[in-house]
Protein backbone atom coordinates (compact mmCIF):
# COMPACT_ATOMS: atom_id res chain seq x y z
CA UNK A 1 124.64 107.58 -71.67
CA UNK A 2 121.42 106.86 -69.84
CA UNK A 3 122.02 109.24 -66.98
CA UNK A 4 121.05 112.42 -68.85
CA UNK A 5 117.66 113.98 -69.31
CA UNK A 6 114.94 113.25 -71.80
CA UNK A 7 116.72 115.27 -74.49
CA UNK A 8 119.94 113.29 -74.11
CA UNK A 9 118.03 110.04 -74.17
CA UNK A 10 116.15 111.07 -77.33
CA UNK A 11 119.44 112.00 -79.02
CA UNK A 12 120.97 108.68 -77.99
CA UNK A 13 117.90 106.86 -79.30
CA UNK A 14 118.22 108.59 -82.68
CA UNK A 15 121.87 107.56 -82.80
CA UNK A 16 120.94 103.93 -82.15
CA UNK A 17 118.23 104.13 -84.82
CA UNK A 18 120.77 105.35 -87.40
CA UNK A 19 123.13 102.52 -86.45
CA UNK A 20 120.31 100.01 -86.93
CA UNK A 21 119.54 101.47 -90.38
CA UNK A 22 123.17 100.83 -91.36
CA UNK A 23 123.16 97.35 -89.80
CA UNK A 24 119.90 96.48 -91.54
CA UNK A 25 121.27 97.65 -94.88
CA UNK A 26 124.49 95.63 -94.55
CA UNK A 27 122.63 92.60 -93.21
CA UNK A 28 120.34 92.30 -96.20
CA UNK A 29 123.16 93.25 -98.60
CA UNK A 30 125.13 90.25 -97.34
CA UNK A 31 122.19 87.96 -98.08
CA UNK A 32 120.94 89.40 -101.36
CA UNK A 33 124.35 89.51 -103.00
CA UNK A 34 124.31 85.69 -103.00
CA UNK A 35 120.74 85.28 -104.29
CA UNK A 36 121.48 85.40 -108.06
CA UNK A 37 123.96 82.55 -107.68
CA UNK A 38 122.72 80.33 -104.86
CA UNK A 39 119.79 78.63 -106.57
CA UNK A 40 121.74 78.08 -109.79
CA UNK A 41 124.74 76.87 -107.76
CA UNK A 42 122.58 74.14 -106.22
CA UNK A 43 121.38 73.14 -109.68
CA UNK A 44 124.96 72.95 -110.93
CA UNK A 45 125.77 70.63 -108.01
CA UNK A 46 123.24 68.21 -109.51
CA UNK A 47 120.25 68.85 -107.29
CA UNK A 48 116.77 68.48 -108.69
CA UNK A 49 114.29 71.35 -108.30
CA UNK A 50 112.61 69.37 -105.51
CA UNK A 51 115.84 68.97 -103.51
CA UNK A 52 116.76 72.57 -104.32
CA UNK A 53 113.54 73.73 -102.73
CA UNK A 54 113.83 71.25 -99.85
CA UNK A 55 117.19 72.68 -98.75
CA UNK A 56 115.84 76.21 -98.78
CA UNK A 57 112.65 75.13 -97.01
CA UNK A 58 114.66 73.42 -94.28
CA UNK A 59 116.42 76.74 -93.73
CA UNK A 60 113.01 78.31 -93.15
CA UNK A 61 112.04 75.58 -90.69
CA UNK A 62 115.18 76.24 -88.67
CA UNK A 63 114.38 79.95 -88.69
CA UNK A 64 110.90 79.21 -87.37
CA UNK A 65 112.15 76.96 -84.59
CA UNK A 66 115.06 79.07 -83.38
CA UNK A 67 113.69 82.59 -83.83
CA UNK A 68 111.63 82.46 -80.59
CA UNK A 69 114.61 81.08 -78.70
CA UNK A 70 116.96 83.79 -79.99
CA UNK A 71 114.34 86.37 -79.01
CA UNK A 72 114.16 84.89 -75.51
CA UNK A 73 117.94 84.82 -75.19
CA UNK A 74 118.13 88.45 -76.28
CA UNK A 75 115.65 89.30 -73.52
CA UNK A 76 117.85 87.47 -71.05
CA UNK A 77 121.36 88.45 -72.14
CA UNK A 78 120.74 91.68 -74.11
CA UNK A 79 120.26 92.57 -77.77
CA UNK A 80 123.87 93.54 -78.52
CA UNK A 81 125.58 90.23 -77.56
CA UNK A 82 123.08 88.16 -79.53
CA UNK A 83 123.31 90.50 -82.52
CA UNK A 84 127.11 90.27 -82.55
CA UNK A 85 126.99 86.46 -82.28
CA UNK A 86 124.42 86.10 -85.07
CA UNK A 87 126.39 88.36 -87.42
CA UNK A 88 129.71 86.69 -86.63
CA UNK A 89 128.38 83.16 -87.16
CA UNK A 90 126.64 84.26 -90.38
CA UNK A 91 129.97 85.61 -91.67
CA UNK A 92 131.64 82.26 -91.00
CA UNK A 93 128.73 80.31 -92.50
CA UNK A 94 128.77 82.21 -95.81
CA UNK A 95 132.54 81.85 -96.03
CA UNK A 96 132.19 78.07 -95.64
CA UNK A 97 129.31 78.03 -98.16
CA UNK A 98 131.55 79.37 -100.92
CA UNK A 99 134.63 77.33 -100.03
CA UNK A 100 133.41 73.89 -101.07
CA UNK A 101 131.55 72.20 -103.91
CA UNK A 102 130.30 69.43 -101.60
CA UNK A 103 126.55 69.32 -101.21
CA UNK A 104 126.96 68.22 -97.59
CA UNK A 105 129.04 71.29 -96.83
CA UNK A 106 126.35 73.44 -98.42
CA UNK A 107 123.65 71.75 -96.32
CA UNK A 108 125.72 72.13 -93.14
CA UNK A 109 126.32 75.80 -93.88
CA UNK A 110 122.59 76.42 -94.40
CA UNK A 111 121.79 74.62 -91.13
CA UNK A 112 124.15 76.92 -89.23
CA UNK A 113 122.77 79.98 -91.01
CA UNK A 114 119.20 78.90 -90.32
CA UNK A 115 119.94 78.62 -86.61
CA UNK A 116 121.81 81.91 -86.20
CA UNK A 117 120.64 84.28 -88.97
CA UNK A 118 118.21 86.36 -86.87
CA UNK A 119 119.99 89.69 -87.12
CA UNK A 120 117.11 91.46 -88.89
CA UNK A 121 114.68 90.45 -86.15
CA UNK A 122 117.12 91.58 -83.46
CA UNK A 123 117.55 94.93 -85.21
CA UNK A 124 113.80 95.45 -85.11
CA UNK A 125 113.82 94.54 -81.41
CA UNK A 126 116.48 97.16 -80.75
CA UNK A 127 114.43 99.75 -82.64
CA UNK A 128 111.33 98.81 -80.63
CA UNK A 129 113.31 99.16 -77.39
CA UNK A 130 114.52 102.70 -78.11
CA UNK A 131 111.50 104.09 -79.96
CA UNK A 132 108.21 105.28 -78.41
CA UNK A 133 105.17 103.37 -79.71
CA UNK A 134 103.78 106.38 -81.58
CA UNK A 135 107.03 106.76 -83.58
CA UNK A 136 107.62 103.08 -84.36
CA UNK A 137 105.76 102.95 -87.72
CA UNK A 138 107.93 105.79 -89.07
CA UNK A 139 111.15 104.29 -87.73
CA UNK A 140 110.30 100.80 -89.00
CA UNK A 141 109.41 102.32 -92.37
CA UNK A 142 112.84 103.93 -92.61
CA UNK A 143 114.46 100.66 -91.53
CA UNK A 144 112.60 98.77 -94.28
CA UNK A 145 113.65 101.50 -96.72
CA UNK A 146 117.31 100.98 -95.79
CA UNK A 147 116.96 97.26 -96.38
CA UNK A 148 115.16 98.02 -99.64
CA UNK A 149 118.23 99.84 -100.93
CA UNK A 150 120.28 96.70 -100.22
CA UNK A 151 117.74 94.59 -102.11
CA UNK A 152 118.08 96.91 -105.10
CA UNK A 153 121.87 97.09 -105.27
CA UNK A 154 123.10 93.72 -104.03
CA UNK A 155 121.64 91.26 -106.58
CA UNK A 156 123.08 93.23 -109.50
CA UNK A 157 126.50 93.43 -107.84
CA UNK A 158 126.43 89.73 -107.00
CA UNK A 159 125.41 88.84 -110.54
CA UNK A 160 128.42 90.70 -111.99
CA UNK A 161 130.84 89.16 -109.49
CA UNK A 162 129.53 85.73 -110.45
CA UNK A 163 131.06 86.10 -113.94
CA UNK A 164 134.58 86.01 -112.46
CA UNK A 165 136.53 82.78 -112.07
CA UNK A 166 135.23 80.92 -109.01
CA UNK A 167 132.40 83.43 -109.03
CA UNK A 168 130.28 81.75 -106.38
CA UNK A 169 133.20 81.55 -103.96
CA UNK A 170 133.98 85.23 -104.54
CA UNK A 171 130.36 86.25 -103.98
CA UNK A 172 130.17 84.26 -100.74
CA UNK A 173 133.47 85.73 -99.57
CA UNK A 174 132.17 89.26 -100.20
CA UNK A 175 129.02 88.36 -98.28
CA UNK A 176 131.14 87.08 -95.41
CA UNK A 177 133.16 90.31 -95.33
CA UNK A 178 129.91 92.32 -95.24
CA UNK A 179 128.62 90.34 -92.28
CA UNK A 180 131.97 90.64 -90.52
CA UNK A 181 131.98 94.40 -91.08
CA UNK A 182 128.44 94.55 -89.74
CA UNK A 183 129.60 92.69 -86.64
CA UNK A 184 132.36 95.26 -86.15
CA UNK A 185 129.83 98.10 -86.49
CA UNK A 186 127.73 96.60 -83.71
CA UNK A 187 130.76 96.00 -81.49
CA UNK A 188 132.15 99.48 -81.99
CA UNK A 189 129.07 101.68 -82.19
CA UNK A 190 126.09 99.99 -80.53
CA UNK A 191 126.06 100.78 -76.79
CA UNK A 192 125.88 98.03 -74.19
CA UNK A 193 122.96 99.80 -72.52
CA UNK A 194 120.27 100.96 -74.89
CA UNK A 195 118.60 104.36 -74.33
CA UNK A 196 115.16 102.89 -73.71
CA UNK A 197 112.17 105.10 -74.40
CA UNK A 198 110.65 104.10 -71.05
CA UNK A 199 112.11 102.58 -67.93
CA UNK A 200 110.27 99.80 -66.16
CA UNK A 201 110.31 99.63 -62.37
CA UNK A 202 111.72 96.11 -62.56
CA UNK A 203 114.61 97.13 -64.81
CA UNK A 204 115.64 96.94 -68.41
CA UNK A 205 113.00 95.23 -70.58
CA UNK A 206 115.69 94.22 -73.05
CA UNK A 207 117.31 92.15 -70.28
CA UNK A 208 114.36 90.56 -68.53
CA UNK A 209 115.08 88.43 -65.52
CA UNK A 210 113.59 85.14 -66.53
CA UNK A 211 113.55 83.17 -63.31
CA UNK A 212 111.79 80.06 -64.58
CA UNK A 213 113.64 77.65 -66.80
CA UNK A 214 111.13 75.06 -68.05
CA UNK A 215 112.22 71.74 -69.45
CA UNK A 216 111.22 72.77 -72.95
CA UNK A 217 111.86 76.49 -73.32
CA UNK A 218 110.50 76.62 -76.86
CA UNK A 219 107.12 75.22 -75.82
CA UNK A 220 107.00 77.64 -72.90
CA UNK A 221 107.23 80.52 -75.37
CA UNK A 222 104.11 79.24 -77.13
CA UNK A 223 102.20 79.27 -73.85
CA UNK A 224 103.37 82.82 -73.06
CA UNK A 225 102.02 84.30 -76.31
CA UNK A 226 98.66 86.02 -75.92
CA UNK A 227 97.11 84.21 -78.87
CA UNK A 228 93.79 86.04 -78.59
CA UNK A 229 95.63 89.31 -79.13
CA UNK A 230 98.44 88.31 -81.49
CA UNK A 231 97.08 85.19 -83.20
CA UNK A 232 95.75 87.03 -86.25
CA UNK A 233 99.06 88.87 -86.66
CA UNK A 234 101.01 85.59 -86.63
CA UNK A 235 98.69 84.05 -89.22
CA UNK A 236 98.91 87.07 -91.55
CA UNK A 237 102.68 87.25 -91.19
CA UNK A 238 102.98 83.53 -91.93
CA UNK A 239 101.05 83.76 -95.20
CA UNK A 240 102.80 86.96 -96.29
CA UNK A 241 106.22 85.44 -95.62
CA UNK A 242 105.27 82.14 -97.26
CA UNK A 243 104.03 83.87 -100.41
CA UNK A 244 107.03 86.19 -100.68
CA UNK A 245 109.66 83.47 -100.19
CA UNK A 246 107.88 80.96 -102.42
CA UNK A 247 107.80 83.52 -105.22
CA UNK A 248 111.39 84.68 -104.83
CA UNK A 249 112.84 81.18 -104.63
CA UNK A 250 110.86 79.80 -107.56
CA UNK A 251 111.31 82.87 -109.75
CA UNK A 252 115.10 82.58 -109.96
CA UNK A 253 114.96 78.85 -110.71
CA UNK A 254 112.30 79.29 -113.39
CA UNK A 255 114.04 82.04 -115.34
CA UNK A 256 117.33 80.15 -115.11
CA UNK A 257 115.83 76.92 -116.47
CA UNK A 258 113.50 78.43 -119.06
CA UNK A 259 115.69 81.20 -120.46
CA UNK A 260 119.24 80.19 -119.43
CA UNK A 261 120.06 83.79 -118.58
CA UNK A 262 123.35 84.88 -117.02
CA UNK A 263 123.73 85.58 -113.29
CA UNK A 264 124.10 89.29 -113.99
CA UNK A 265 120.78 89.29 -115.86
CA UNK A 266 119.11 87.50 -112.94
CA UNK A 267 120.57 90.11 -110.62
CA UNK A 268 119.26 92.97 -112.73
CA UNK A 269 115.79 91.42 -112.92
CA UNK A 270 115.62 91.03 -109.13
CA UNK A 271 116.88 94.58 -108.64
CA UNK A 272 114.35 95.94 -111.12
CA UNK A 273 111.49 94.20 -109.31
CA UNK A 274 112.22 95.95 -106.05
CA UNK A 275 113.48 99.32 -107.26
CA UNK A 276 110.35 101.32 -106.45
CA UNK A 277 108.36 99.27 -103.94
CA UNK A 278 110.53 99.74 -100.80
CA UNK A 279 110.65 103.51 -101.23
CA UNK A 280 106.94 103.76 -101.94
CA UNK A 281 106.02 101.68 -98.91
CA UNK A 282 108.46 103.50 -96.63
CA UNK A 283 107.04 106.88 -97.62
CA UNK A 284 103.49 105.56 -97.46
CA UNK A 285 103.95 104.48 -93.86
CA UNK A 286 105.50 107.83 -92.90
CA UNK A 287 102.66 109.79 -94.49
CA UNK A 288 99.70 107.70 -93.44
CA UNK A 289 100.67 106.19 -90.09
CA UNK A 290 99.10 109.12 -88.23
CA UNK A 291 95.71 108.92 -89.93
CA UNK A 292 95.21 105.27 -90.87
CA UNK A 293 94.57 102.25 -88.73
CA UNK A 294 97.50 99.80 -88.45
CA UNK A 295 95.36 97.16 -90.18
CA UNK A 296 95.02 99.31 -93.29
CA UNK A 297 98.75 99.97 -93.34
CA UNK A 298 99.29 96.20 -93.12
CA UNK A 299 97.02 95.61 -96.13
CA UNK A 300 98.91 98.27 -98.09
CA UNK A 301 102.16 96.54 -97.24
CA UNK A 302 100.76 93.20 -98.39
CA UNK A 303 99.69 94.79 -101.68
CA UNK A 304 103.21 96.19 -102.16
CA UNK A 305 104.71 92.75 -101.54
CA UNK A 306 102.53 91.30 -104.26
């Protein structure tokens, strides 16, 4: 695959990009289909709003801790193996989540998901590997657009499935099947060797030879970050993510407690909120990435999130 000329490599890169669009769509579909039911399910298990939020916050802490490690492991062992593992474990975790009414099983399932659910980040890493820097804003915009479609469709579908007997178990089972199918897509279609947009003299940048193994690998990653260059980006991303997740998590709980609406209504409300924004932002990036500074595009994205 990688032995051809520049034209063959570009065609292979486009193929990988299309695969990542599909994987990104299915990945977020598997998550968002559970959203209308998960918060209310925790409330029905007897959890207070504080404990409800604490469980979801702990998931975020695990994501923060393990995301750098998963990124390092994908550099060492390759994007595809880590992506397959993350999707496979996520499928099992969501299946377990819907199979029990025990709060401890729910907590255990969220711990596993928090550790391994990094498939979206790995997809973006694959896209960065196969896409030249000048084309990345357009490609990432299309990727976000594909995930936006999943955000639109999945909550409404999940809300309707929740009305069936054992609705939460059915929704989680459907989510598990989606993740499993996504895993099969990566196994069957994603090549072992990615058609990188540029070859480094020391080999494949997606499989870096990390010769040093410090005692605390996570802390070593903090030292390796060029904070003077990327510090502002990390801070902005933190606040954007914090605001978005705080709103989404609290919104479902508030409308459920204040208005006692059905899961399907919650699903429709979530879908309505995000019907236009992903498409607008995706097209905005495609149109303006060539004439605007990345900082301005970032501010436009933040405005769309709000």
